[in-house]
Amino acid sequence: MIARFSVCALGPALLLTSISMSRADETITLTLGSGSTFRVSEPFKTVLIGNPDVVDVQTQDDRSVIVKPLKLGASNVIFLNRQSIAIGNIRVVVSAAQI
C-alpha cells in the first residue's frame, strides 16, 4: 500500500533523533517509542510509505519529516520531487525497545 504523507500529532513521549540523508538509499533502525527527523538535500513534494502499519510520517517542511515507528517490522519511505522522481529512499527497521 502506498500513501501520501499526512499530518498527525506525535505523542509527548516520542524521543527524536535527527538524520540527514547524504546518500540516495539508507537503512535506519528505530525502536518503539522513539522517532527520527530525516532531512533530504533537495525539496520533496510527496512521501510514499511502503508499510504504513509499521511507520507514520509527519512533514515538517519540504526537506524534512519526522518518522514515527508504530509496530515491529520494516518499511521503505520514499521521497519524490515535483517531477515525481525519487530523490531519496530510506528503509526503516523498527525493533523492540531494549531495557
Protein backbone atom coordinates (compact mmCIF):
# COMPACT_ATOMS: atom_id res chain seq x y z
CA MET A 1 0.00 0.00 0.00
CA ILE A 2 1.32 3.45 -0.91
CA ALA A 3 0.24 6.57 0.94
CA ARG A 4 0.92 10.25 0.57
CA PHE A 5 2.26 11.97 3.64
CA SER A 6 -0.21 13.02 6.26
CA VAL A 7 -0.09 15.36 9.20
CA CYS A 8 -0.50 13.73 12.58
CA ALA A 9 0.13 14.66 16.19
CA LEU A 10 3.05 12.93 17.85
CA GLY A 11 2.89 11.96 21.49
CA PRO A 12 5.00 13.87 24.03
CA ALA A 13 6.87 10.67 24.98
CA LEU A 14 8.34 10.41 21.48
CA LEU A 15 12.13 10.72 21.54
CA LEU A 16 13.57 12.24 18.36
CA THR A 17 16.91 11.91 16.66
CA SER A 18 17.93 13.83 13.56
CA ILE A 19 19.39 12.22 10.45
CA SER A 20 20.35 13.88 7.17
CA MET A 21 20.34 11.77 4.05
CA SER A 22 23.65 12.02 2.27
CA ARG A 23 23.05 9.01 0.02
CA ALA A 24 20.01 8.01 -2.01
CA ASP A 25 19.49 4.82 0.00
CA GLU A 26 19.94 4.30 3.73
CA THR A 27 18.77 1.82 6.36
CA ILE A 28 17.77 3.23 9.72
CA THR A 29 16.81 1.23 12.82
CA LEU A 30 14.31 2.80 15.20
CA THR A 31 12.92 1.44 18.45
CA LEU A 32 9.30 1.61 19.51
CA GLY A 33 8.74 4.83 21.45
CA SER A 34 11.38 6.78 19.54
CA GLY A 35 11.27 8.73 16.31
CA SER A 36 13.68 10.37 13.92
CA THR A 37 13.79 13.57 11.95
CA PHE A 38 15.00 12.93 8.40
CA ARG A 39 16.27 15.69 6.14
CA VAL A 40 16.85 15.33 2.40
CA SER A 41 19.19 17.51 0.34
CA GLU A 42 16.57 18.80 -2.10
CA PRO A 43 12.87 19.67 -1.73
CA PHE A 44 10.32 16.87 -2.00
CA LYS A 45 6.65 17.06 -2.89
CA THR A 46 5.44 13.57 -1.97
CA VAL A 47 6.42 10.98 0.61
CA LEU A 48 5.48 7.35 -0.04
CA ILE A 49 5.27 4.88 2.85
CA GLY A 50 5.73 1.24 1.88
CA ASN A 51 4.08 -0.16 5.02
CA PRO A 52 2.02 2.48 6.87
CA ASP A 53 1.22 -0.05 9.62
CA VAL A 54 4.92 -0.01 10.65
CA VAL A 55 5.77 3.72 10.39
CA ASP A 56 3.97 7.04 10.10
CA VAL A 57 5.43 10.22 8.62
CA GLN A 58 4.79 13.83 9.60
CA THR A 59 6.18 16.51 7.29
CA GLN A 60 7.94 19.47 8.86
CA ASP A 61 8.80 21.34 5.68
CA ASP A 62 9.70 20.47 2.06
CA ARG A 63 13.04 18.94 3.12
CA SER A 64 12.35 17.19 6.42
CA VAL A 65 9.96 14.72 8.05
CA ILE A 66 9.52 13.02 11.40
CA VAL A 67 9.25 9.23 11.13
CA LYS A 68 7.37 7.58 13.99
CA PRO A 69 7.60 3.80 14.47
CA LEU A 70 4.18 2.20 15.04
CA LYS A 71 4.93 -1.53 15.33
CA LEU A 72 7.73 -4.04 14.77
CA GLY A 73 8.67 -4.60 11.14
CA ALA A 74 10.20 -2.76 8.21
CA SER A 75 9.08 -0.19 5.68
CA ASN A 76 10.56 1.97 2.98
CA VAL A 77 9.99 5.72 2.98
CA ILE A 78 10.49 7.22 -0.48
CA PHE A 79 10.78 10.94 -1.26
CA LEU A 80 9.62 12.24 -4.66
CA ASN A 81 10.34 15.69 -6.09
CA ARG A 82 7.88 17.84 -8.08
CA GLN A 83 8.57 15.78 -11.21
CA SER A 84 7.70 12.56 -9.30
CA ILE A 85 11.34 11.43 -9.43
CA ALA A 86 12.62 9.54 -6.39
CA ILE A 87 15.25 11.65 -4.61
CA GLY A 88 15.59 9.50 -1.51
CA ASN A 89 14.74 6.06 -0.17
CA ILE A 90 15.04 5.16 3.49
CA ARG A 91 14.49 1.62 4.74
CA VAL A 92 13.22 1.86 8.31
CA VAL A 93 13.52 -1.17 10.55
CA VAL A 94 11.51 -0.98 13.78
CA SER A 95 12.80 -3.06 16.69
CA ALA A 96 11.64 -3.53 20.27
CA ALA A 97 12.93 -1.09 22.86
CA GLN A 98 15.80 -2.54 24.89
CA ILE A 99 15.65 -2.41 28.67
